[in-house]
Amino acid sequence: MNDKNETFRHELKYQIGIGDYYAIRQRLRPVMKPDEHAAAHGRYLIRSIYFDNVYDKALREKISGVQKREKFRIRYYNDDFSFLTLEKKMKWNSLCMKMDARLTKEECRSILAGNTGWMISHSSGLVRELYCKMKSQQLRPRVLVSYVREPYVYAAGNVRVTFDSDIRSTLFHRGFLEEAVTDIGVADNPGEMILEVKFDAFLPEVIQTLLQTEGIRQQAYSKYGACRRFG
């Protein structure tokens, strides 16, 4: 298992309503292509198990606006346990980078159960790093974050635009990787979505123009932070 390394990318976030979603999507569709991993309806379900310690280090760093920070999570799609990835997301102001490594279902369940001795000799450096931080920082699985993503891509600038909706959190819940998930919506207003724009060195002017919408503004938004309001 080889870790996947990426370079730092720009990441912009906007909190939008259902009206803005329809307007922006209508403008984007003739120019951007749906992500090839999306289903026929153009969306997929993402679930992420986030790690933090008893002092809520990751959460507090986000709230305090620490410029350089990281989070570990285990992610899977459409409730398919056959494809699980361990991810480390690093943020530096508006730049982000993600590293990931595949996990088997058995490895994932062992991590969630606290059976971690095998991790120290794992072929993935990222798995070994998580082991060290579970020992040194007492990282533990804290919350399951779920949402529906509608992704679009544009080759120039390696642009990725996503609409994330129905963001949900487990409520005072410590069981993970279950067939049936009990959670609660975290949106402050009905139909609220998060528009995310990721790109490499530059955002092409054509995409900038398509995204311009009166009344929306770039802001810091954390799905993990929003979901931790409930436990």
Protein backbone atom coordinates (compact mmCIF):
# COMPACT_ATOMS: atom_id res chain seq x y z
CA MET A 1 0.00 0.00 0.00
CA ASN A 2 1.54 3.26 -1.11
CA ASP A 3 0.50 6.58 0.32
CA LYS A 4 -0.89 9.00 -2.19
CA ASN A 5 0.77 12.40 -1.97
CA GLU A 6 -0.60 15.60 -3.41
CA THR A 7 0.71 19.13 -3.59
CA PHE A 8 -0.93 22.01 -1.79
CA ARG A 9 -4.06 23.28 -3.52
CA HIS A 10 -6.26 26.31 -3.06
CA GLU A 11 -9.59 25.67 -1.34
CA LEU A 12 -12.45 28.18 -1.21
CA LYS A 13 -15.76 27.59 0.58
CA TYR A 14 -19.14 29.30 0.35
CA GLN A 15 -22.34 28.69 2.28
CA ILE A 16 -25.21 28.92 -0.22
CA GLY A 17 -28.97 28.44 -0.38
CA ILE A 18 -30.98 26.28 -2.73
CA GLY A 19 -31.65 29.18 -5.14
CA ASP A 20 -27.96 29.95 -5.55
CA TYR A 21 -27.26 26.26 -6.04
CA TYR A 22 -29.63 25.96 -8.99
CA ALA A 23 -28.34 29.18 -10.56
CA ILE A 24 -24.64 28.30 -10.24
CA ARG A 25 -25.13 24.70 -11.32
CA GLN A 26 -27.00 25.81 -14.44
CA ARG A 27 -24.07 28.03 -15.42
CA LEU A 28 -21.42 25.41 -14.64
CA ARG A 29 -22.92 22.42 -16.44
CA PRO A 30 -22.18 23.53 -20.02
CA VAL A 31 -18.50 24.13 -19.12
CA MET A 32 -17.57 21.64 -16.39
CA LYS A 33 -17.93 17.86 -16.54
CA PRO A 34 -19.50 15.72 -13.80
CA ASP A 35 -16.91 13.75 -11.85
CA GLU A 36 -16.51 10.28 -13.35
CA HIS A 37 -16.98 8.66 -9.93
CA ALA A 38 -20.45 10.12 -9.48
CA ALA A 39 -23.47 7.90 -10.11
CA ALA A 40 -25.95 8.39 -12.94
CA HIS A 41 -27.69 11.15 -10.97
CA GLY A 42 -24.34 12.92 -10.48
CA ARG A 43 -24.03 12.53 -6.71
CA TYR A 44 -22.59 10.19 -4.11
CA LEU A 45 -22.74 9.77 -0.34
CA ILE A 46 -19.60 10.46 1.68
CA ARG A 47 -19.09 9.31 5.26
CA SER A 48 -16.01 10.33 7.26
CA ILE A 49 -14.97 9.16 10.73
CA TYR A 50 -12.94 12.01 12.23
CA PHE A 51 -10.26 11.61 14.88
CA ASP A 52 -9.55 14.01 17.73
CA ASN A 53 -8.27 13.77 21.29
CA VAL A 54 -9.96 14.25 24.65
CA TYR A 55 -8.95 17.93 24.56
CA ASP A 56 -10.50 18.42 21.10
CA LYS A 57 -7.19 19.55 19.63
CA ALA A 58 -8.36 19.53 15.99
CA LEU A 59 -11.64 21.24 16.83
CA ARG A 60 -10.03 23.95 18.96
CA GLU A 61 -7.38 24.68 16.34
CA LYS A 62 -10.11 25.17 13.76
CA ILE A 63 -12.17 27.46 16.01
CA SER A 64 -9.07 29.44 17.00
CA GLY A 65 -8.03 29.90 13.38
CA VAL A 66 -4.64 28.20 13.70
CA GLN A 67 -3.02 28.75 10.31
CA LYS A 68 -1.31 25.36 10.03
CA ARG A 69 -3.28 22.35 11.18
CA GLU A 70 -4.16 18.75 10.31
CA LYS A 71 -6.99 16.26 10.71
CA PHE A 72 -7.13 12.48 10.35
CA ARG A 73 -10.24 10.70 9.08
CA ILE A 74 -11.39 7.40 7.63
CA ARG A 75 -13.60 7.86 4.59
CA TYR A 76 -15.92 5.65 2.56
CA TYR A 77 -18.54 6.16 -0.12
CA ASN A 78 -22.14 5.07 -0.65
CA ASP A 79 -21.94 2.84 2.45
CA ASP A 80 -19.51 0.53 0.65
CA PHE A 81 -17.11 -0.92 3.24
CA SER A 82 -14.98 -2.59 0.55
CA PHE A 83 -13.22 0.70 -0.26
CA LEU A 84 -11.96 2.50 2.84
CA THR A 85 -9.26 5.15 2.98
CA LEU A 86 -7.32 6.72 5.80
CA GLU A 87 -6.78 10.40 5.05
CA LYS A 88 -4.74 13.19 6.57
CA LYS A 89 -5.87 16.65 5.51
CA MET A 90 -3.45 19.50 6.09
CA LYS A 91 -4.49 23.15 5.97
CA TRP A 92 -2.27 26.19 5.65
CA ASN A 93 -4.47 29.28 5.43
CA SER A 94 -6.51 28.76 2.22
CA LEU A 95 -4.16 26.03 0.95
CA CYS A 96 -4.85 22.37 1.59
CA MET A 97 -3.18 19.05 0.90
CA LYS A 98 -4.47 15.53 1.38
CA MET A 99 -2.60 12.26 1.84
CA ASP A 100 -4.41 8.95 1.83
CA ALA A 101 -3.86 5.22 2.12
CA ARG A 102 -6.15 2.24 1.58
CA LEU A 103 -7.40 0.26 4.57
CA THR A 104 -9.07 -3.12 4.62
CA LYS A 105 -12.34 -3.48 6.49
CA GLU A 106 -10.58 -5.58 9.12
CA GLU A 107 -7.82 -2.98 9.59
CA CYS A 108 -10.41 -0.24 9.92
CA ARG A 109 -12.40 -2.12 12.54
CA SER A 110 -9.20 -2.80 14.50
CA ILE A 111 -8.32 0.92 14.53
CA LEU A 112 -11.83 1.85 15.65
CA ALA A 113 -11.67 -0.78 18.42
CA GLY A 114 -8.33 0.54 19.66
CA ASN A 115 -6.38 -2.56 18.59
CA THR A 116 -3.43 -0.71 17.09
CA GLY A 117 -0.25 -2.73 17.67
CA TRP A 118 -0.11 -3.97 14.07
CA MET A 119 -0.07 -0.40 12.73
CA ILE A 120 3.56 0.25 13.69
CA SER A 121 4.81 -2.22 11.06
CA HIS A 122 2.24 -1.34 8.35
CA SER A 123 3.52 -0.74 4.81
CA SER A 124 1.82 2.68 4.73
CA GLY A 125 3.68 5.55 6.33
CA LEU A 126 0.37 7.30 6.93
CA VAL A 127 -0.97 4.36 8.95
CA ARG A 128 2.25 4.35 10.98
CA GLU A 129 1.91 8.12 11.54
CA LEU A 130 -1.65 7.71 12.81
CA TYR A 131 -0.42 5.01 15.20
CA CYS A 132 2.21 7.37 16.62
CA LYS A 133 -0.32 10.16 17.07
CA MET A 134 -2.89 7.84 18.61
CA LYS A 135 -0.19 7.08 21.17
CA SER A 136 1.38 10.52 21.61
CA GLN A 137 -1.72 12.73 21.19
CA GLN A 138 -4.35 10.16 22.22
CA LEU A 139 -6.27 10.55 18.96
CA ARG A 140 -9.52 8.60 18.92
CA PRO A 141 -12.53 8.37 16.56
CA ARG A 142 -14.92 11.14 17.63
CA VAL A 143 -17.75 11.65 15.15
CA LEU A 144 -19.17 10.35 11.86
CA VAL A 145 -19.83 13.14 9.35
CA SER A 146 -22.08 12.35 6.38
CA TYR A 147 -23.16 14.37 3.36
CA VAL A 148 -24.18 14.11 -0.30
CA ARG A 149 -21.68 15.49 -2.81
CA GLU A 150 -22.33 16.66 -6.38
CA PRO A 151 -18.90 17.16 -8.05
CA TYR A 152 -17.79 18.87 -11.26
CA VAL A 153 -14.29 19.04 -12.80
CA TYR A 154 -12.45 21.29 -15.25
CA ALA A 155 -9.06 20.26 -16.65
CA ALA A 156 -7.35 23.65 -16.87
CA GLY A 157 -6.07 24.50 -13.40
CA ASN A 158 -7.22 21.08 -12.16
CA VAL A 159 -10.43 22.70 -10.90
CA ARG A 160 -12.96 20.80 -8.82
CA VAL A 161 -16.28 22.36 -7.80
CA THR A 162 -18.52 20.48 -5.40
CA PHE A 163 -21.94 21.06 -3.88
CA ASP A 164 -22.27 19.36 -0.47
CA SER A 165 -25.77 18.96 0.96
CA ASP A 166 -27.62 17.13 3.73
CA ILE A 167 -24.68 17.38 6.13
CA ARG A 168 -25.37 15.10 9.08
CA SER A 169 -23.69 14.17 12.36
CA THR A 170 -23.89 11.22 14.71
CA LEU A 171 -25.36 12.37 18.02
CA PHE A 172 -23.41 11.38 21.14
CA HIS A 173 -22.54 8.18 19.33
CA ARG A 174 -19.39 6.10 19.56
CA GLY A 175 -20.15 3.20 17.23
CA PHE A 176 -18.76 3.44 13.70
CA LEU A 177 -18.73 1.47 10.45
CA GLU A 178 -22.28 0.28 10.99
CA GLU A 179 -24.84 -0.91 8.46
CA ALA A 180 -27.47 1.50 9.82
CA VAL A 181 -26.44 5.04 10.80
CA THR A 182 -28.36 7.17 13.30
CA ASP A 183 -27.58 10.83 12.76
CA ILE A 184 -29.01 14.35 12.70
CA GLY A 185 -28.91 17.20 10.18
CA VAL A 186 -26.68 20.17 11.08
CA ALA A 187 -27.85 22.81 8.58
CA ASP A 188 -29.06 26.06 10.14
CA ASN A 189 -31.53 26.64 7.29
CA PRO A 190 -33.48 24.24 5.02
CA GLY A 191 -31.71 23.55 1.73
CA GLU A 192 -28.41 25.00 2.94
CA MET A 193 -25.35 23.74 1.04
CA ILE A 194 -21.59 24.17 1.00
CA LEU A 195 -19.98 25.14 -2.31
CA GLU A 196 -16.30 24.19 -2.42
CA VAL A 197 -13.85 25.26 -5.11
CA LYS A 198 -10.43 23.57 -5.29
CA PHE A 199 -7.70 24.35 -7.81
CA ASP A 200 -3.93 24.24 -8.25
CA ALA A 201 -1.98 27.41 -9.09
CA PHE A 202 -4.80 29.41 -10.66
CA LEU A 203 -8.57 29.51 -11.08
CA PRO A 204 -9.40 30.02 -14.77
CA GLU A 205 -11.27 33.24 -15.51
CA VAL A 206 -14.16 31.38 -17.13
CA ILE A 207 -14.80 29.49 -13.88
CA GLN A 208 -14.42 32.66 -11.80
CA THR A 209 -17.09 34.32 -13.95
CA LEU A 210 -19.49 31.37 -13.70
CA LEU A 211 -19.19 31.32 -9.91
CA GLN A 212 -19.85 35.02 -9.38
CA THR A 213 -23.12 35.34 -7.51
CA GLU A 214 -24.40 38.36 -5.63
CA GLY A 215 -24.82 37.83 -1.91
CA ILE A 216 -22.47 34.88 -1.37
CA ARG A 217 -19.05 35.32 0.15
CA GLN A 218 -16.05 33.16 0.83
CA GLN A 219 -15.92 31.93 4.42
CA ALA A 220 -14.26 29.40 6.66
CA TYR A 221 -16.54 26.40 7.13
CA SER A 222 -15.73 23.05 8.69
CA LYS A 223 -18.10 20.11 8.35
CA TYR A 224 -16.26 18.52 11.27
CA GLY A 225 -16.75 21.65 13.37
CA ALA A 226 -20.42 21.91 12.46
CA CYS A 227 -21.03 18.26 13.33
CA ARG A 228 -19.18 18.46 16.65
CA ARG A 229 -21.81 20.90 17.95
CA PHE A 230 -23.88 17.81 18.71
CA GLY A 231 -21.32 15.85 20.69
